[in-house]
Amino acid sequence: MKNTVTSALVALAAAGVVLGGAGAAKAKAKSFQNCTAMHKVYKHGVGKVGARDHTSGTPVTTFKRSNALYKANANSDRDHDGIACEQR
């Protein structure tokens, strides 16, 4: 009896691991139509982790850091500094 219960518990645990992994897919990063739409969600823009604003004035440092979000919106990075739609 003990071996049957143990075998059943092991089988249930294994099924839980297999089924649990199926729903754990990452969500796709949101691509914004333009900077105005992005600023409604991310006021200062989005950039790659470790990116630095290229400016002669005070650099923007409060942008959202996310490689996936930046990649989805890289077409909005006009100065190619790794930050899309940066604004103060």
PDB file of N, CA and C in Angstrom:
ATOM      1  N   MET A   1       0.823  -1.196   0.000  1.00  0.00           N
ATOM      2  CA  MET A   1       0.000   0.000   0.000  1.00  0.00           C
ATOM      3  C   MET A   1       0.868   1.262   0.000  1.00  0.00           C
ATOM      4  N   LYS A   2       1.930   1.253   0.812  1.00  0.00           N
ATOM      5  CA  LYS A   2       2.797   2.423   0.918  1.00  0.00           C
ATOM      6  C   LYS A   2       3.458   2.735  -0.423  1.00  0.00           C
ATOM      7  N   ASN A   3       3.909   1.700  -1.150  1.00  0.00           N
ATOM      8  CA  ASN A   3       4.544   1.905  -2.455  1.00  0.00           C
ATOM      9  C   ASN A   3       3.556   2.458  -3.476  1.00  0.00           C
ATOM     10  N   THR A   4       2.310   2.055  -3.396  1.00  0.00           N
ATOM     11  CA  THR A   4       1.285   2.546  -4.321  1.00  0.00           C
ATOM     12  C   THR A   4       1.032   4.030  -4.093  1.00  0.00           C
ATOM     13  N   VAL A   5       0.934   4.435  -2.819  1.00  0.00           N
ATOM     14  CA  VAL A   5       0.703   5.842  -2.494  1.00  0.00           C
ATOM     15  C   VAL A   5       1.903   6.678  -2.911  1.00  0.00           C
ATOM     16  N   THR A   6       3.091   6.169  -2.640  1.00  0.00           N
ATOM     17  CA  THR A   6       4.310   6.885  -3.020  1.00  0.00           C
ATOM     18  C   THR A   6       4.396   7.024  -4.535  1.00  0.00           C
ATOM     19  N   SER A   7       4.102   5.973  -5.263  1.00  0.00           N
ATOM     20  CA  SER A   7       4.137   6.016  -6.728  1.00  0.00           C
ATOM     21  C   SER A   7       3.117   7.012  -7.271  1.00  0.00           C
ATOM     22  N   ALA A   8       1.943   7.051  -6.653  1.00  0.00           N
ATOM     23  CA  ALA A   8       0.904   7.979  -7.100  1.00  0.00           C
ATOM     24  C   ALA A   8       1.330   9.422  -6.853  1.00  0.00           C
ATOM     25  N   LEU A   9       1.942   9.684  -5.695  1.00  0.00           N
ATOM     26  CA  LEU A   9       2.400  11.036  -5.387  1.00  0.00           C
ATOM     27  C   LEU A   9       3.509  11.483  -6.337  1.00  0.00           C
ATOM     28  N   VAL A  10       4.423  10.582  -6.657  1.00  0.00           N
ATOM     29  CA  VAL A  10       5.507  10.897  -7.591  1.00  0.00           C
ATOM     30  C   VAL A  10       4.931  11.194  -8.973  1.00  0.00           C
ATOM     31  N   ALA A  11       3.942  10.425  -9.408  1.00  0.00           N
ATOM     32  CA  ALA A  11       3.326  10.634 -10.713  1.00  0.00           C
ATOM     33  C   ALA A  11       2.601  11.988 -10.762  1.00  0.00           C
ATOM     34  N   LEU A  12       1.897  12.336  -9.691  1.00  0.00           N
ATOM     35  CA  LEU A  12       1.201  13.621  -9.640  1.00  0.00           C
ATOM     36  C   LEU A  12       2.182  14.789  -9.645  1.00  0.00           C
ATOM     37  N   ALA A  13       3.259  14.649  -8.909  1.00  0.00           N
ATOM     38  CA  ALA A  13       4.266  15.709  -8.867  1.00  0.00           C
ATOM     39  C   ALA A  13       4.890  15.906 -10.245  1.00  0.00           C
ATOM     40  N   ALA A  14       5.191  14.810 -10.932  1.00  0.00           N
ATOM     41  CA  ALA A  14       5.783  14.892 -12.269  1.00  0.00           C
ATOM     42  C   ALA A  14       4.806  15.541 -13.242  1.00  0.00           C
ATOM     43  N   ALA A  15       3.533  15.200 -13.149  1.00  0.00           N
ATOM     44  CA  ALA A  15       2.527  15.799 -14.029  1.00  0.00           C
ATOM     45  C   ALA A  15       2.417  17.296 -13.758  1.00  0.00           C
ATOM     46  N   GLY A  16       2.501  17.692 -12.508  1.00  0.00           N
ATOM     47  CA  GLY A  16       2.434  19.106 -12.156  1.00  0.00           C
ATOM     48  C   GLY A  16       3.592  19.884 -12.730  1.00  0.00           C
ATOM     49  N   VAL A  17       4.781  19.305 -12.730  1.00  0.00           N
ATOM     50  CA  VAL A  17       5.953  19.971 -13.292  1.00  0.00           C
ATOM     51  C   VAL A  17       5.780  20.144 -14.792  1.00  0.00           C
ATOM     52  N   VAL A  18       5.305  19.114 -15.478  1.00  0.00           N
ATOM     53  CA  VAL A  18       5.123  19.181 -16.927  1.00  0.00           C
ATOM     54  C   VAL A  18       4.036  20.183 -17.279  1.00  0.00           C
ATOM     55  N   LEU A  19       2.897  20.142 -16.607  1.00  0.00           N
ATOM     56  CA  LEU A  19       1.803  21.057 -16.901  1.00  0.00           C
ATOM     57  C   LEU A  19       2.129  22.481 -16.473  1.00  0.00           C
ATOM     58  N   GLY A  20       2.831  22.641 -15.374  1.00  0.00           N
ATOM     59  CA  GLY A  20       3.188  23.973 -14.893  1.00  0.00           C
ATOM     60  C   GLY A  20       4.105  24.695 -15.855  1.00  0.00           C
ATOM     61  N   GLY A  21       4.972  23.982 -16.525  1.00  0.00           N
ATOM     62  CA  GLY A  21       5.898  24.588 -17.470  1.00  0.00           C
ATOM     63  C   GLY A  21       5.205  25.091 -18.723  1.00  0.00           C
ATOM     64  N   ALA A  22       4.061  24.523 -19.075  1.00  0.00           N
ATOM     65  CA  ALA A  22       3.370  24.895 -20.302  1.00  0.00           C
ATOM     66  C   ALA A  22       2.806  26.313 -20.227  1.00  0.00           C
ATOM     67  N   GLY A  23       2.382  26.752 -19.056  1.00  0.00           N
ATOM     68  CA  GLY A  23       1.782  28.072 -18.928  1.00  0.00           C
ATOM     69  C   GLY A  23       2.774  29.153 -18.552  1.00  0.00           C
ATOM     70  N   ALA A  24       4.047  28.836 -18.489  1.00  0.00           N
ATOM     71  CA  ALA A  24       5.044  29.784 -18.012  1.00  0.00           C
ATOM     72  C   ALA A  24       5.758  30.534 -19.135  1.00  0.00           C
ATOM     73  N   ALA A  25       5.158  30.588 -20.322  1.00  0.00           N
ATOM     74  CA  ALA A  25       5.794  31.282 -21.443  1.00  0.00           C
ATOM     75  C   ALA A  25       5.840  32.786 -21.174  1.00  0.00           C
ATOM     76  N   LYS A  26       6.910  33.439 -21.614  1.00  0.00           N
ATOM     77  CA  LYS A  26       7.060  34.879 -21.409  1.00  0.00           C
ATOM     78  C   LYS A  26       6.119  35.638 -22.333  1.00  0.00           C
ATOM     79  N   ALA A  27       5.599  36.747 -21.829  1.00  0.00           N
ATOM     80  CA  ALA A  27       4.757  37.621 -22.638  1.00  0.00           C
ATOM     81  C   ALA A  27       5.637  38.415 -23.601  1.00  0.00           C
ATOM     82  N   LYS A  28       5.122  38.674 -24.778  1.00  0.00           N
ATOM     83  CA  LYS A  28       5.865  39.438 -25.779  1.00  0.00           C
ATOM     84  C   LYS A  28       5.929  40.904 -25.354  1.00  0.00           C
ATOM     85  N   ALA A  29       7.081  41.531 -25.533  1.00  0.00           N
ATOM     86  CA  ALA A  29       7.257  42.943 -25.185  1.00  0.00           C
ATOM     87  C   ALA A  29       6.371  43.805 -26.079  1.00  0.00           C
ATOM     88  N   LYS A  30       5.748  44.820 -25.502  1.00  0.00           N
ATOM     89  CA  LYS A  30       4.826  45.684 -26.232  1.00  0.00           C
ATOM     90  C   LYS A  30       5.579  46.620 -27.170  1.00  0.00           C
ATOM     91  N   SER A  31       5.117  46.660 -28.392  1.00  0.00           N
ATOM     92  CA  SER A  31       5.656  47.582 -29.380  1.00  0.00           C
ATOM     93  C   SER A  31       4.679  48.752 -29.499  1.00  0.00           C
ATOM     94  N   PHE A  32       5.179  49.964 -29.307  1.00  0.00           N
ATOM     95  CA  PHE A  32       4.334  51.153 -29.355  1.00  0.00           C
ATOM     96  C   PHE A  32       4.357  51.750 -30.748  1.00  0.00           C
ATOM     97  N   GLN A  33       3.222  52.318 -31.164  1.00  0.00           N
ATOM     98  CA  GLN A  33       3.104  52.899 -32.498  1.00  0.00           C
ATOM     99  C   GLN A  33       3.997  54.127 -32.658  1.00  0.00           C
ATOM    100  N   ASN A  34       4.145  54.910 -31.597  1.00  0.00           N
ATOM    101  CA  ASN A  34       4.973  56.111 -31.648  1.00  0.00           C
ATOM    102  C   ASN A  34       5.359  56.515 -30.227  1.00  0.00           C
ATOM    103  N   CYS A  35       6.149  57.574 -30.100  1.00  0.00           N
ATOM    104  CA  CYS A  35       6.622  58.007 -28.783  1.00  0.00           C
ATOM    105  C   CYS A  35       5.492  58.547 -27.910  1.00  0.00           C
ATOM    106  N   THR A  36       4.503  59.187 -28.506  1.00  0.00           N
ATOM    107  CA  THR A  36       3.372  59.686 -27.731  1.00  0.00           C
ATOM    108  C   THR A  36       2.666  58.541 -27.023  1.00  0.00           C
ATOM    109  N   ALA A  37       2.452  57.439 -27.726  1.00  0.00           N
ATOM    110  CA  ALA A  37       1.817  56.263 -27.121  1.00  0.00           C
ATOM    111  C   ALA A  37       2.709  55.668 -26.034  1.00  0.00           C
ATOM    112  N   MET A  38       4.015  55.621 -26.265  1.00  0.00           N
ATOM    113  CA  MET A  38       4.929  55.079 -25.265  1.00  0.00           C
ATOM    114  C   MET A  38       4.941  55.938 -24.009  1.00  0.00           C
ATOM    115  N   HIS A  39       4.925  57.252 -24.181  1.00  0.00           N
ATOM    116  CA  HIS A  39       4.995  58.154 -23.020  1.00  0.00           C
ATOM    117  C   HIS A  39       3.777  58.049 -22.107  1.00  0.00           C
ATOM    118  N   LYS A  40       2.678  57.536 -22.605  1.00  0.00           N
ATOM    119  CA  LYS A  40       1.500  57.309 -21.760  1.00  0.00           C
ATOM    120  C   LYS A  40       1.767  56.206 -20.740  1.00  0.00           C
ATOM    121  N   VAL A  41       2.666  55.284 -21.085  1.00  0.00           N
ATOM    122  CA  VAL A  41       3.005  54.165 -20.201  1.00  0.00           C
ATOM    123  C   VAL A  41       4.364  54.380 -19.539  1.00  0.00           C
ATOM    124  N   TYR A  42       5.355  54.784 -20.314  1.00  0.00           N
ATOM    125  CA  TYR A  42       6.722  55.007 -19.835  1.00  0.00           C
ATOM    126  C   TYR A  42       7.081  56.471 -20.110  1.00  0.00           C
ATOM    127  N   LYS A  43       6.877  57.320 -19.130  1.00  0.00           N
ATOM    128  CA  LYS A  43       6.999  58.776 -19.284  1.00  0.00           C
ATOM    129  C   LYS A  43       8.344  59.225 -19.865  1.00  0.00           C
ATOM    130  N   HIS A  44       9.421  58.548 -19.508  1.00  0.00           N
ATOM    131  CA  HIS A  44      10.758  58.974 -19.936  1.00  0.00           C
ATOM    132  C   HIS A  44      11.366  58.071 -21.003  1.00  0.00           C
ATOM    133  N   GLY A  45      10.566  57.168 -21.581  1.00  0.00           N
ATOM    134  CA  GLY A  45      11.041  56.269 -22.626  1.00  0.00           C
ATOM    135  C   GLY A  45      11.540  54.940 -22.073  1.00  0.00           C
ATOM    136  N   VAL A  46      12.054  54.101 -22.977  1.00  0.00           N
ATOM    137  CA  VAL A  46      12.601  52.801 -22.595  1.00  0.00           C
ATOM    138  C   VAL A  46      13.985  52.637 -23.202  1.00  0.00           C
ATOM    139  N   GLY A  47      14.857  51.949 -22.480  1.00  0.00           N
ATOM    140  CA  GLY A  47      16.212  51.763 -22.982  1.00  0.00           C
ATOM    141  C   GLY A  47      16.804  50.443 -22.555  1.00  0.00           C
ATOM    142  N   LYS A  48      17.897  50.105 -23.189  1.00  0.00           N
ATOM    143  CA  LYS A  48      18.620  48.888 -22.832  1.00  0.00           C
ATOM    144  C   LYS A  48      19.255  49.060 -21.461  1.00  0.00           C
ATOM    145  N   VAL A  49      19.428  47.955 -20.780  1.00  0.00           N
ATOM    146  CA  VAL A  49      20.126  47.976 -19.490  1.00  0.00           C
ATOM    147  C   VAL A  49      21.545  48.478 -19.739  1.00  0.00           C
ATOM    148  N   GLY A  50      21.959  49.488 -19.002  1.00  0.00           N
ATOM    149  CA  GLY A  50      23.301  50.044 -19.146  1.00  0.00           C
ATOM    150  C   GLY A  50      23.415  51.165 -20.166  1.00  0.00           C
ATOM    151  N   ALA A  51      22.321  51.540 -20.837  1.00  0.00           N
ATOM    152  CA  ALA A  51      22.364  52.611 -21.842  1.00  0.00           C
ATOM    153  C   ALA A  51      22.571  53.973 -21.175  1.00  0.00           C
ATOM    154  N   ARG A  52      23.192  54.885 -21.911  1.00  0.00           N
ATOM    155  CA  ARG A  52      23.427  56.245 -21.436  1.00  0.00           C
ATOM    156  C   ARG A  52      22.908  57.212 -22.500  1.00  0.00           C
ATOM    157  N   ASP A  53      22.193  58.234 -22.053  1.00  0.00           N
ATOM    158  CA  ASP A  53      21.629  59.235 -22.945  1.00  0.00           C
ATOM    159  C   ASP A  53      22.745  60.078 -23.567  1.00  0.00           C
ATOM    160  N   HIS A  54      22.710  60.236 -24.891  1.00  0.00           N
ATOM    161  CA  HIS A  54      23.671  61.093 -25.599  1.00  0.00           C
ATOM    162  C   HIS A  54      23.068  62.490 -25.687  1.00  0.00           C
ATOM    163  N   THR A  55      23.572  63.398 -24.915  1.00  0.00           N
ATOM    164  CA  THR A  55      23.067  64.763 -24.921  1.00  0.00           C
ATOM    165  C   THR A  55      24.167  65.719 -24.483  1.00  0.00           C
ATOM    166  N   SER A  56      24.038  66.958 -24.884  1.00  0.00           N
ATOM    167  CA  SER A  56      24.997  67.968 -24.428  1.00  0.00           C
ATOM    168  C   SER A  56      24.524  68.597 -23.118  1.00  0.00           C
ATOM    169  N   GLY A  57      23.257  68.365 -22.765  1.00  0.00           N
ATOM    170  CA  GLY A  57      22.705  68.901 -21.524  1.00  0.00           C
ATOM    171  C   GLY A  57      22.654  67.826 -20.452  1.00  0.00           C
ATOM    172  N   THR A  58      21.644  67.900 -19.622  1.00  0.00           N
ATOM    173  CA  THR A  58      21.456  66.919 -18.559  1.00  0.00           C
ATOM    174  C   THR A  58      20.884  65.635 -19.149  1.00  0.00           C
ATOM    175  N   PRO A  59      21.549  64.511 -18.974  1.00  0.00           N
ATOM    176  CA  PRO A  59      21.053  63.263 -19.554  1.00  0.00           C
ATOM    177  C   PRO A  59      19.814  62.725 -18.823  1.00  0.00           C
ATOM    178  N   VAL A  60      18.960  62.053 -19.576  1.00  0.00           N
ATOM    179  CA  VAL A  60      17.802  61.376 -18.995  1.00  0.00           C
ATOM    180  C   VAL A  60      18.298  60.091 -18.343  1.00  0.00           C
ATOM    181  N   THR A  61      17.941  59.888 -17.084  1.00  0.00           N
ATOM    182  CA  THR A  61      18.356  58.674 -16.375  1.00  0.00           C
ATOM    183  C   THR A  61      17.163  57.909 -15.816  1.00  0.00           C
ATOM    184  N   THR A  62      15.959  58.443 -15.984  1.00  0.00           N
ATOM    185  CA  THR A  62      14.774  57.854 -15.370  1.00  0.00           C
ATOM    186  C   THR A  62      13.949  57.021 -16.342  1.00  0.00           C
ATOM    187  N   PHE A  63      14.532  56.615 -17.464  1.00  0.00           N
ATOM    188  CA  PHE A  63      13.819  55.785 -18.425  1.00  0.00           C
ATOM    189  C   PHE A  63      13.691  54.354 -17.899  1.00  0.00           C
ATOM    190  N   LYS A  64      12.713  53.621 -18.428  1.00  0.00           N
ATOM    191  CA  LYS A  64      12.511  52.207 -18.067  1.00  0.00           C
ATOM    192  C   LYS A  64      13.622  51.397 -18.713  1.00  0.00           C
ATOM    193  N   ARG A  65      14.307  50.595 -17.921  1.00  0.00           N
ATOM    194  CA  ARG A  65      15.396  49.759 -18.439  1.00  0.00           C
ATOM    195  C   ARG A  65      14.879  48.348 -18.712  1.00  0.00           C
ATOM    196  N   SER A  66      14.840  47.969 -19.976  1.00  0.00           N
ATOM    197  CA  SER A  66      14.374  46.646 -20.382  1.00  0.00           C
ATOM    198  C   SER A  66      14.899  46.361 -21.781  1.00  0.00           C
ATOM    199  N   ASN A  67      15.725  45.348 -21.909  1.00  0.00           N
ATOM    200  CA  ASN A  67      16.265  44.994 -23.219  1.00  0.00           C
ATOM    201  C   ASN A  67      15.159  44.560 -24.178  1.00  0.00           C
ATOM    202  N   ALA A  68      14.174  43.807 -23.669  1.00  0.00           N
ATOM    203  CA  ALA A  68      13.085  43.327 -24.526  1.00  0.00           C
ATOM    204  C   ALA A  68      12.208  44.482 -25.014  1.00  0.00           C
ATOM    205  N   LEU A  69      11.854  45.401 -24.120  1.00  0.00           N
ATOM    206  CA  LEU A  69      11.042  46.556 -24.529  1.00  0.00           C
ATOM    207  C   LEU A  69      11.802  47.438 -25.517  1.00  0.00           C
ATOM    208  N   TYR A  70      13.088  47.636 -25.265  1.00  0.00           N
ATOM    209  CA  TYR A  70      13.882  48.453 -26.189  1.00  0.00           C
ATOM    210  C   TYR A  70      13.917  47.806 -27.570  1.00  0.00           C
ATOM    211  N   LYS A  71      14.169  46.505 -27.601  1.00  0.00           N
ATOM    212  CA  LYS A  71      14.265  45.806 -28.884  1.00  0.00           C
ATOM    213  C   LYS A  71      12.963  45.935 -29.679  1.00  0.00           C
ATOM    214  N   ALA A  72      11.809  45.857 -28.977  1.00  0.00           N
ATOM    215  CA  ALA A  72      10.515  45.969 -29.647  1.00  0.00           C
ATOM    216  C   ALA A  72      10.252  47.386 -30.157  1.00  0.00           C
ATOM    217  N   ASN A  73      10.986  48.378 -29.633  1.00  0.00           N
ATOM    218  CA  ASN A  73      10.754  49.781 -29.993  1.00  0.00           C
ATOM    219  C   ASN A  73      12.018  50.494 -30.470  1.00  0.00           C
ATOM    220  N   ALA A  74      13.020  49.752 -30.885  1.00  0.00           N
ATOM    221  CA  ALA A  74      14.310  50.331 -31.290  1.00  0.00           C
ATOM    222  C   ALA A  74      14.171  51.295 -32.465  1.00  0.00           C
ATOM    223  N   ASN A  75      13.128  51.137 -33.270  1.00  0.00           N
ATOM    224  CA  ASN A  75      12.933  52.051 -34.403  1.00  0.00           C
ATOM    225  C   ASN A  75      12.638  53.477 -33.937  1.00  0.00           C
ATOM    226  N   SER A  76      12.287  53.654 -32.664  1.00  0.00           N
ATOM    227  CA  SER A  76      12.018  54.986 -32.115  1.00  0.00           C
ATOM    228  C   SER A  76      13.246  55.618 -31.465  1.00  0.00           C
ATOM    229  N   ASP A  77      14.402  54.998 -31.588  1.00  0.00           N
ATOM    230  CA  ASP A  77      15.645  55.529 -31.028  1.00  0.00           C
ATOM    231  C   ASP A  77      16.360  56.338 -32.114  1.00  0.00           C
ATOM    232  N   ARG A  78      16.045  57.609 -32.188  1.00  0.00           N
ATOM    233  CA  ARG A  78      16.553  58.462 -33.272  1.00  0.00           C
ATOM    234  C   ARG A  78      18.051  58.695 -33.214  1.00  0.00           C
ATOM    235  N   ASP A  79      18.611  58.808 -31.997  1.00  0.00           N
ATOM    236  CA  ASP A  79      20.050  59.092 -31.896  1.00  0.00           C
ATOM    237  C   ASP A  79      20.891  57.846 -31.632  1.00  0.00           C
ATOM    238  N   HIS A  80      20.271  56.683 -31.663  1.00  0.00           N
ATOM    239  CA  HIS A  80      20.959  55.387 -31.535  1.00  0.00           C
ATOM    240  C   HIS A  80      21.824  55.281 -30.283  1.00  0.00           C
ATOM    241  N   ASP A  81      21.289  55.774 -29.168  1.00  0.00           N
ATOM    242  CA  ASP A  81      22.024  55.705 -27.905  1.00  0.00           C
ATOM    243  C   ASP A  81      21.546  54.579 -26.991  1.00  0.00           C
ATOM    244  N   GLY A  82      20.620  53.757 -27.484  1.00  0.00           N
ATOM    245  CA  GLY A  82      20.113  52.650 -26.686  1.00  0.00           C
ATOM    246  C   GLY A  82      18.897  53.015 -25.864  1.00  0.00           C
ATOM    247  N   ILE A  83      18.343  54.216 -26.087  1.00  0.00           N
ATOM    248  CA  ILE A  83      17.143  54.666 -25.375  1.00  0.00           C
ATOM    249  C   ILE A  83      16.135  55.166 -26.407  1.00  0.00           C
ATOM    250  N   ALA A  84      14.955  54.571 -26.418  1.00  0.00           N
ATOM    251  CA  ALA A  84      13.902  54.974 -27.356  1.00  0.00           C
ATOM    252  C   ALA A  84      12.983  55.979 -26.679  1.00  0.00           C
ATOM    253  N   CYS A  85      12.695  57.066 -27.353  1.00  0.00           N
ATOM    254  CA  CYS A  85      11.737  58.090 -26.910  1.00  0.00           C
ATOM    255  C   CYS A  85      12.105  58.743 -25.587  1.00  0.00           C
ATOM    256  N   GLU A  86      13.401  58.947 -25.337  1.00  0.00           N
ATOM    257  CA  GLU A  86      13.783  59.577 -24.074  1.00  0.00           C
ATOM    258  C   GLU A  86      13.292  61.010 -24.013  1.00  0.00           C
ATOM    259  N   GLN A  87      12.790  61.387 -22.851  1.00  0.00           N
ATOM    260  CA  GLN A  87      12.391  62.781 -22.608  1.00  0.00           C
ATOM    261  C   GLN A  87      12.487  63.057 -21.136  1.00  0.00           C
ATOM    262  N   ARG A  88      12.717  64.304 -20.782  1.00  0.00           N
ATOM    263  CA  ARG A  88      12.849  64.701 -19.394  1.00  0.00           C
ATOM    264  C   ARG A  88      11.533  64.852 -18.727  1.00  0.00           C
TER     265      ARG A  88
END
